[in-house]
Amino acid sequence: TPMGYMVEATGQLNIEATVGGSFTELRPRAEAAWNDGSIIFPGFDQALTGIEARVGVENQVVTLISATGEWFGARLNAEGSLPLALVSDVFAPVGGPSPASLHAEIRDFAIESIPGAPARLRGLTDLSLQAETMALAVESIRGTVQIDRLNLSFDELDFTQETPTLISVADGAACLSDFALVGPRTRVTGNGDLELARGGAIRLDAQIQTDSLVFATVSGAVESTGTIRGDIQVRGTTSDPELSGLLTLDNGTVQIASPAIEVAELNATIRVEPTAVTLENLVGTLNGGTMAASGAIDYAGFTPGNISLDIDFEDAAVEIPDGLRTLSGGSVQLRSRGDLWVVGGTIEILEGSYTNPVQIDQWVFDTFRSTDDDFVTEP
């Protein structure tokens, strides 16, 4: 292929062709049909199957009369044309220059079939594409890609786009406008552009408003609530994207069933930078007491790295282990370096009590019975 990828194609191909004109100005005429065809693309575990295509060549133009197929359960339809003058100078255009064009539709494409998609992500999308070009170069392509439908599910959370999303292609760049995805207590909007050549520069801006419950479900973390809102920017290139932005958490809560821990009235600022996510100015309550925290998570290529977290708390009521209730305060530092975790700090127990029943006589009896010593009773 022109991009250097190896593909495997099968099917029944029937061609009838004649060539007229001269050596300096060829005039081919042909009809072709591809029946019961399939194409295997590298990186995908399913082939494009059921291909039925008809192609005609006349007046120096190759016309894709119709093409249909199925891929990951999606239905594909396409038609288009390619003036041979765009391929070689030996094919003189009839009636003046004309553009190559393509119109295609994809229906019911499964999002989870995309290589690298999260295992718990499911979804369906419909796409429509229209494009034309006066030269076989990315910079000359003009067209649109419209996302007619986008439905996503992550575990029990369902998201859908508000209106069809339009991606315009011109001057070697794709421009996204008015994207809006909505779901449970969530709305994400975005716009920006992507350079299709000359290094693949990215400029994407997103606005987020959601509930931390959504983040907890997606990440598999503990139960939590609270409003998260902010802006995220993506810059850099397709080979080296860079994230930045600022998020805020308002009135958040985090609950852990065992041991019983409740963090409430959380307010925090989360700063996203190209190499780290920093937690700033987190304040709230911890089991009835007060707490403050700060920290950072390093990352590279969207893969988390080292973690540092500092927590200060006062007058926190904790029951660890079961039955031992204490009122504590202190400072805790959590650090990770690869697979190694280090926890340090100081904790001061202000008061405490053990509330579970204790049977002293049974404890003494069990202790004596478990020893091998002989006991003698004097007369």
Protein backbone atom coordinates (compact mmCIF):
# COMPACT_ATOMS: atom_id res chain seq x y z
CA THR A 1 0.00 0.00 0.00
CA PRO A 2 1.15 3.67 -0.31
CA MET A 3 1.53 3.91 3.49
CA GLY A 4 3.79 0.86 3.60
CA TYR A 5 1.33 -1.46 5.40
CA MET A 6 0.82 -5.06 4.30
CA VAL A 7 -2.80 -6.04 3.72
CA GLU A 8 -4.26 -9.33 2.55
CA ALA A 9 -7.21 -9.34 0.16
CA THR A 10 -9.35 -12.20 -1.13
CA GLY A 11 -12.44 -12.57 -3.31
CA GLN A 12 -13.65 -13.01 -6.88
CA LEU A 13 -12.44 -10.23 -9.20
CA ASN A 14 -13.83 -9.92 -12.74
CA ILE A 15 -12.39 -7.29 -15.13
CA GLU A 16 -13.21 -6.36 -18.73
CA ALA A 17 -10.94 -3.66 -20.16
CA THR A 18 -9.78 -2.04 -23.40
CA VAL A 19 -7.14 0.65 -23.97
CA GLY A 20 -7.26 3.14 -26.84
CA GLY A 21 -5.61 6.41 -27.75
CA SER A 22 -1.85 6.79 -28.24
CA PHE A 23 1.29 6.13 -26.17
CA THR A 24 1.33 9.78 -25.14
CA GLU A 25 -2.42 9.95 -24.42
CA LEU A 26 -3.95 6.70 -23.23
CA ARG A 27 -7.74 6.26 -23.14
CA PRO A 28 -8.66 3.19 -21.06
CA ARG A 29 -12.18 1.83 -20.70
CA ALA A 30 -13.05 -0.87 -18.17
CA GLU A 31 -15.62 -2.45 -15.92
CA ALA A 32 -14.73 -4.46 -12.80
CA ALA A 33 -16.61 -6.30 -10.09
CA TRP A 34 -15.25 -7.62 -6.78
CA ASN A 35 -17.54 -10.15 -5.16
CA ASP A 36 -17.44 -11.87 -1.75
CA GLY A 37 -14.22 -10.03 -0.95
CA SER A 38 -12.30 -9.50 2.27
CA ILE A 39 -9.39 -7.39 3.47
CA ILE A 40 -7.24 -8.06 6.55
CA PHE A 41 -5.73 -4.89 8.05
CA PRO A 42 -2.63 -5.00 10.29
CA GLY A 43 -3.36 -4.42 13.97
CA PHE A 44 -7.00 -5.55 13.79
CA ASP A 45 -8.25 -9.03 14.70
CA GLN A 46 -11.20 -8.95 12.31
CA ALA A 47 -11.23 -8.56 8.55
CA LEU A 48 -13.40 -6.33 6.38
CA THR A 49 -15.68 -8.96 4.87
CA GLY A 50 -18.62 -9.34 2.52
CA ILE A 51 -17.15 -6.82 0.07
CA GLU A 52 -19.26 -6.21 -3.02
CA ALA A 53 -17.81 -3.50 -5.29
CA ARG A 54 -18.34 -2.22 -8.84
CA VAL A 55 -15.82 -0.01 -10.63
CA GLY A 56 -15.95 1.63 -14.05
CA VAL A 57 -13.31 3.48 -16.11
CA GLU A 58 -14.42 5.91 -18.81
CA ASN A 59 -13.44 9.38 -20.06
CA GLN A 60 -10.18 9.18 -18.08
CA VAL A 61 -12.04 8.77 -14.76
CA VAL A 62 -12.14 5.75 -12.45
CA THR A 63 -15.58 5.65 -10.83
CA LEU A 64 -16.35 3.64 -7.72
CA ILE A 65 -19.98 2.98 -8.57
CA SER A 66 -20.71 1.25 -5.28
CA ALA A 67 -18.90 -0.62 -2.53
CA THR A 68 -20.33 -2.34 0.55
CA GLY A 69 -18.89 -4.50 3.31
CA GLU A 70 -18.94 -5.36 7.01
CA TRP A 71 -16.27 -4.70 9.64
CA PHE A 72 -16.64 -5.50 13.38
CA GLY A 73 -20.38 -5.73 12.77
CA ALA A 74 -20.46 -2.29 11.14
CA ARG A 75 -21.91 -1.72 7.69
CA LEU A 76 -19.79 0.23 5.19
CA ASN A 77 -20.99 1.94 2.00
CA ALA A 78 -18.86 4.03 -0.36
CA GLU A 79 -18.83 5.65 -3.78
CA GLY A 80 -16.42 8.04 -5.47
CA SER A 81 -14.29 8.93 -8.46
CA LEU A 82 -10.62 9.39 -9.37
CA PRO A 83 -9.53 11.31 -12.50
CA LEU A 84 -6.55 9.45 -13.95
CA ALA A 85 -4.86 12.78 -14.71
CA LEU A 86 -4.16 13.06 -10.97
CA VAL A 87 -2.15 9.81 -11.19
CA SER A 88 -0.12 10.40 -14.37
CA ASP A 89 0.31 13.00 -17.10
CA VAL A 90 -0.29 10.38 -19.79
CA PHE A 91 -4.01 10.54 -18.99
CA ALA A 92 -5.26 13.85 -20.37
CA PRO A 93 -8.42 15.10 -18.62
CA VAL A 94 -11.59 15.15 -20.68
CA GLY A 95 -13.42 18.47 -20.41
CA GLY A 96 -10.85 20.06 -18.09
CA PRO A 97 -9.49 19.21 -14.63
CA SER A 98 -11.88 17.63 -12.11
CA PRO A 99 -11.40 16.59 -8.48
CA ALA A 100 -11.21 13.14 -6.99
CA SER A 101 -14.13 12.57 -4.63
CA LEU A 102 -15.26 10.09 -1.99
CA HIS A 103 -18.50 9.65 -0.09
CA ALA A 104 -18.65 6.95 2.58
CA GLU A 105 -20.86 5.90 5.47
CA ILE A 106 -20.13 3.64 8.43
CA ARG A 107 -23.01 2.41 10.57
CA ASP A 108 -22.94 0.59 13.93
CA PHE A 109 -19.15 0.60 14.37
CA ALA A 110 -18.18 -0.92 17.75
CA ILE A 111 -15.93 1.42 19.76
CA GLU A 112 -14.44 -1.51 21.72
CA SER A 113 -12.93 -2.87 18.49
CA ILE A 114 -10.44 0.01 18.32
CA PRO A 115 -6.95 -1.31 19.25
CA GLY A 116 -6.00 -0.17 22.76
CA ALA A 117 -9.55 0.72 23.85
CA PRO A 118 -10.20 0.21 27.60
CA ALA A 119 -11.52 -3.28 28.36
CA ARG A 120 -14.67 -1.98 30.09
CA LEU A 121 -15.58 0.51 27.35
CA ARG A 122 -18.43 -0.27 24.97
CA GLY A 123 -20.16 1.84 22.36
CA LEU A 124 -21.52 2.35 18.86
CA THR A 125 -20.95 5.15 16.37
CA ASP A 126 -22.18 6.17 12.91
CA LEU A 127 -19.91 8.21 10.62
CA SER A 128 -20.40 10.02 7.31
CA LEU A 129 -17.47 11.19 5.16
CA GLN A 130 -17.36 13.50 2.16
CA ALA A 131 -14.07 14.59 0.59
CA GLU A 132 -12.55 15.85 -2.63
CA THR A 133 -9.11 16.88 -3.81
CA MET A 134 -7.45 18.30 -6.90
CA ALA A 135 -4.14 16.55 -6.11
CA LEU A 136 -2.99 13.40 -4.36
CA ALA A 137 -1.66 15.32 -1.35
CA VAL A 138 -3.00 15.75 2.17
CA GLU A 139 -2.82 19.55 1.92
CA SER A 140 -5.24 19.52 -1.03
CA ILE A 141 -8.03 17.51 0.60
CA ARG A 142 -11.27 19.33 1.40
CA GLY A 143 -14.09 17.58 3.17
CA THR A 144 -16.00 16.73 6.31
CA VAL A 145 -16.38 13.81 8.70
CA GLN A 146 -19.64 13.89 10.63
CA ILE A 147 -20.19 11.76 13.73
CA ASP A 148 -23.90 11.16 13.32
CA ARG A 149 -24.19 9.03 16.46
CA LEU A 150 -21.91 8.31 19.42
CA ASN A 151 -23.08 6.17 22.33
CA LEU A 152 -20.59 5.08 24.99
CA SER A 153 -20.96 2.84 28.04
CA PHE A 154 -18.45 2.35 30.83
CA ASP A 155 -19.74 -0.30 33.22
CA GLU A 156 -23.19 1.08 34.19
CA LEU A 157 -22.54 4.64 32.99
CA ASP A 158 -24.00 5.67 29.61
CA PHE A 159 -22.87 8.70 27.58
CA THR A 160 -24.08 10.15 24.28
CA GLN A 161 -23.32 13.19 22.15
CA GLU A 162 -25.82 16.05 22.25
CA THR A 163 -25.83 16.77 18.51
CA PRO A 164 -23.93 15.42 15.48
CA THR A 165 -20.27 16.41 15.63
CA LEU A 166 -18.56 17.89 12.57
CA ILE A 167 -14.87 17.52 11.72
CA SER A 168 -13.78 19.72 8.80
CA VAL A 169 -10.70 18.91 6.75
CA ALA A 170 -8.86 21.62 4.79
CA ASP A 171 -5.30 22.89 4.22
CA GLY A 172 -3.76 19.77 5.75
CA ALA A 173 -5.62 20.03 9.06
CA ALA A 174 -8.73 18.50 10.68
CA CYS A 175 -10.85 20.90 12.76
CA LEU A 176 -13.23 19.66 15.49
CA SER A 177 -16.05 22.01 16.44
CA ASP A 178 -18.93 21.94 18.92
CA PHE A 179 -18.32 18.46 20.34
CA ALA A 180 -20.53 17.76 23.38
CA LEU A 181 -20.79 14.48 25.29
CA VAL A 182 -23.33 14.14 28.09
CA GLY A 183 -24.02 11.47 30.70
CA PRO A 184 -24.83 10.99 34.40
CA ARG A 185 -24.07 14.37 36.03
CA THR A 186 -21.53 14.89 33.25
CA ARG A 187 -21.00 17.23 30.31
CA VAL A 188 -17.79 17.36 28.25
CA THR A 189 -17.35 19.83 25.39
CA GLY A 190 -14.41 20.32 23.08
CA ASN A 191 -13.00 21.93 19.95
CA GLY A 192 -9.63 22.18 18.27
CA ASP A 193 -7.59 21.06 15.31
CA LEU A 194 -5.06 18.42 14.29
CA GLU A 195 -2.37 18.87 11.66
CA LEU A 196 -2.55 15.91 9.26
CA ALA A 197 0.95 16.54 7.89
CA ARG A 198 4.11 18.44 8.83
CA GLY A 199 4.54 16.79 12.23
CA GLY A 200 0.94 16.32 13.36
CA ALA A 201 0.58 19.29 15.70
CA ILE A 202 -2.39 19.14 18.12
CA ARG A 203 -4.49 21.97 19.55
CA LEU A 204 -7.44 20.62 21.48
CA ASP A 205 -9.38 22.36 24.27
CA ALA A 206 -11.93 20.54 26.46
CA GLN A 207 -14.29 21.74 29.18
CA ILE A 208 -15.34 19.20 31.81
CA GLN A 209 -18.06 19.11 34.42
CA THR A 210 -18.78 15.82 36.14
CA ASP A 211 -19.27 14.10 39.48
CA SER A 212 -16.38 12.30 41.15
CA LEU A 213 -18.71 9.28 41.29
CA VAL A 214 -18.11 8.97 37.54
CA PHE A 215 -14.34 9.06 38.04
CA ALA A 216 -14.62 6.46 40.80
CA THR A 217 -16.65 4.12 38.57
CA VAL A 218 -14.30 4.52 35.62
CA SER A 219 -11.15 4.04 37.70
CA GLY A 220 -12.58 1.34 39.97
CA ALA A 221 -11.72 3.43 43.02
CA VAL A 222 -13.64 3.80 46.29
CA GLU A 223 -17.12 5.31 46.45
CA SER A 224 -17.07 9.09 46.12
CA THR A 225 -19.19 12.10 45.17
CA GLY A 226 -18.52 15.77 44.46
CA THR A 227 -18.50 18.15 41.53
CA ILE A 228 -15.40 18.25 39.33
CA ARG A 229 -15.11 21.00 36.74
CA GLY A 230 -12.34 22.61 34.73
CA ASP A 231 -10.47 22.91 31.45
CA ILE A 232 -7.98 20.56 29.81
CA GLN A 233 -5.70 21.45 26.89
CA VAL A 234 -3.87 19.02 24.60
CA ARG A 235 -0.85 20.36 22.75
CA GLY A 236 2.30 18.90 21.19
CA THR A 237 2.10 16.37 18.36
CA THR A 238 0.36 13.07 17.69
CA SER A 239 3.60 11.25 18.55
CA ASP A 240 4.25 13.33 21.70
CA PRO A 241 1.01 14.87 23.06
CA GLU A 242 1.15 17.13 26.13
CA LEU A 243 -1.68 17.68 28.63
CA SER A 244 -2.25 20.76 30.76
CA GLY A 245 -5.15 22.30 32.61
CA LEU A 246 -6.84 23.00 35.91
CA LEU A 247 -9.64 21.08 37.65
CA THR A 248 -11.47 21.87 40.87
CA LEU A 249 -13.32 19.56 43.27
CA ASP A 250 -16.21 21.05 45.24
CA ASN A 251 -17.88 19.49 48.29
CA GLY A 252 -16.52 16.02 47.65
CA THR A 253 -16.87 12.90 49.78
CA VAL A 254 -14.96 9.61 49.85
CA GLN A 255 -16.21 6.58 51.77
CA ILE A 256 -14.46 3.32 52.62
CA ALA A 257 -16.55 0.59 54.25
CA SER A 258 -13.76 -1.31 56.03
CA PRO A 259 -12.09 0.19 57.90
CA ALA A 260 -14.82 2.82 58.34
CA ILE A 261 -13.36 6.00 56.87
CA GLU A 262 -15.31 9.01 55.61
CA VAL A 263 -13.67 12.04 54.08
CA ALA A 264 -16.19 14.85 53.54
CA GLU A 265 -16.52 18.52 52.60
CA LEU A 266 -13.57 18.11 50.25
CA ASN A 267 -12.41 21.08 48.20
CA ALA A 268 -9.28 20.89 46.08
CA THR A 269 -7.44 22.14 43.03
CA ILE A 270 -5.95 19.61 40.59
CA ARG A 271 -3.31 20.98 38.24
CA VAL A 272 -2.49 18.98 35.11
CA GLU A 273 0.97 19.48 33.61
CA PRO A 274 2.79 17.69 30.75
CA THR A 275 4.65 15.35 33.15
CA ALA A 276 2.62 15.35 36.39
CA VAL A 277 -0.80 15.79 37.99
CA THR A 278 -0.54 17.90 41.15
CA LEU A 279 -3.04 17.99 44.01
CA GLU A 280 -3.11 21.45 45.56
CA ASN A 281 -4.91 22.91 48.57
CA LEU A 282 -7.07 19.92 49.45
CA VAL A 283 -9.03 20.56 52.64
CA GLY A 284 -11.90 18.70 54.26
CA THR A 285 -12.93 16.56 57.21
CA LEU A 286 -11.71 13.09 58.16
CA ASN A 287 -14.07 11.07 60.37
CA GLY A 288 -15.28 14.23 62.05
CA GLY A 289 -11.87 15.89 62.33
CA THR A 290 -10.06 18.22 59.95
CA MET A 291 -7.57 17.32 57.23
CA ALA A 292 -5.40 18.89 54.53
CA ALA A 293 -3.41 17.20 51.78
CA SER A 294 -1.18 17.85 48.79
CA GLY A 295 0.76 15.67 46.40
CA ALA A 296 1.57 14.71 42.83
CA ILE A 297 1.53 11.79 40.40
CA ASP A 298 4.21 11.70 37.70
CA TYR A 299 3.31 10.24 34.33
CA ALA A 300 4.84 9.62 30.92
CA GLY A 301 2.86 8.68 27.82
CA PHE A 302 -0.33 8.59 29.94
CA THR A 303 1.22 5.87 32.15
CA PRO A 304 1.29 6.75 35.89
CA GLY A 305 4.69 6.84 37.58
CA ASN A 306 5.89 7.88 41.02
CA ILE A 307 3.38 9.09 43.62
CA SER A 308 3.89 11.48 46.53
CA LEU A 309 1.15 12.42 49.00
CA ASP A 310 1.30 14.39 52.27
CA ILE A 311 -1.68 14.30 54.66
CA ASP A 312 -2.16 16.30 57.88
CA PHE A 313 -5.17 15.63 60.14
CA GLU A 314 -6.50 16.52 63.59
CA ASP A 315 -9.19 15.07 65.87
CA ALA A 316 -10.02 12.18 63.57
CA ALA A 317 -12.09 9.37 65.12
CA VAL A 318 -10.77 6.01 63.89
CA GLU A 319 -11.62 2.42 64.78
CA ILE A 320 -8.59 0.33 63.74
CA PRO A 321 -8.57 -2.56 64.57
CA ASP A 322 -12.20 -3.42 65.26
CA GLY A 323 -13.17 -2.30 68.74
CA LEU A 324 -10.21 0.03 69.31
CA ARG A 325 -11.60 3.56 68.99
CA THR A 326 -9.17 6.44 69.06
CA LEU A 327 -9.14 10.17 68.52
CA SER A 328 -5.96 10.93 66.64
CA GLY A 329 -3.97 13.59 64.83
CA GLY A 330 -0.75 13.65 62.90
CA SER A 331 1.06 13.79 59.58
CA VAL A 332 1.50 10.95 57.07
CA GLN A 333 3.74 10.86 54.01
CA LEU A 334 3.18 8.35 51.21
CA ARG A 335 5.81 7.80 48.52
CA SER A 336 6.18 5.34 45.65
CA ARG A 337 9.17 4.58 43.48
CA GLY A 338 8.22 1.96 40.93
CA ASP A 339 6.83 -1.02 42.85
CA LEU A 340 8.30 0.19 46.16
CA TRP A 341 5.99 2.02 48.59
CA VAL A 342 7.22 3.95 51.63
CA VAL A 343 4.91 5.24 54.36
CA GLY A 344 6.21 7.57 57.06
CA GLY A 345 5.06 10.20 59.52
CA THR A 346 3.79 10.57 63.06
CA ILE A 347 0.39 9.87 64.61
CA GLU A 348 -0.60 11.11 68.07
CA ILE A 349 -3.41 9.28 69.88
CA LEU A 350 -5.25 11.90 71.91
CA GLU A 351 -7.63 9.44 73.58
CA GLY A 352 -8.85 5.90 73.04
CA SER A 353 -10.96 3.03 74.31
CA TYR A 354 -11.49 -0.63 73.55
CA THR A 355 -15.22 -1.30 73.22
CA ASN A 356 -15.46 -5.01 72.42
CA PRO A 357 -16.34 -7.38 75.35
CA VAL A 358 -13.33 -8.95 77.09
CA GLN A 359 -13.75 -12.19 79.15
CA ILE A 360 -10.82 -12.28 81.57
CA ASP A 361 -11.68 -15.65 83.11
CA GLN A 362 -11.90 -17.33 79.71
CA TRP A 363 -8.60 -15.74 78.69
CA VAL A 364 -6.87 -17.05 81.85
CA PHE A 365 -8.33 -20.52 81.41
CA ASP A 366 -7.24 -20.69 77.75
CA THR A 367 -3.78 -19.47 78.68
CA PHE A 368 -3.28 -22.12 81.36
CA ARG A 369 -4.68 -24.87 79.15
CA SER A 370 -2.29 -23.99 76.36
CA THR A 371 0.86 -24.36 78.49
CA ASP A 372 2.77 -27.59 79.05
CA ASP A 373 3.75 -26.75 82.66
CA ASP A 374 2.39 -28.86 85.53
CA PHE A 375 0.65 -27.08 88.37
CA VAL A 376 0.68 -28.63 91.91
CA THR A 377 -1.87 -27.79 94.59
CA GLU A 378 -0.57 -27.90 98.18
CA PRO A 379 -2.67 -29.74 100.75
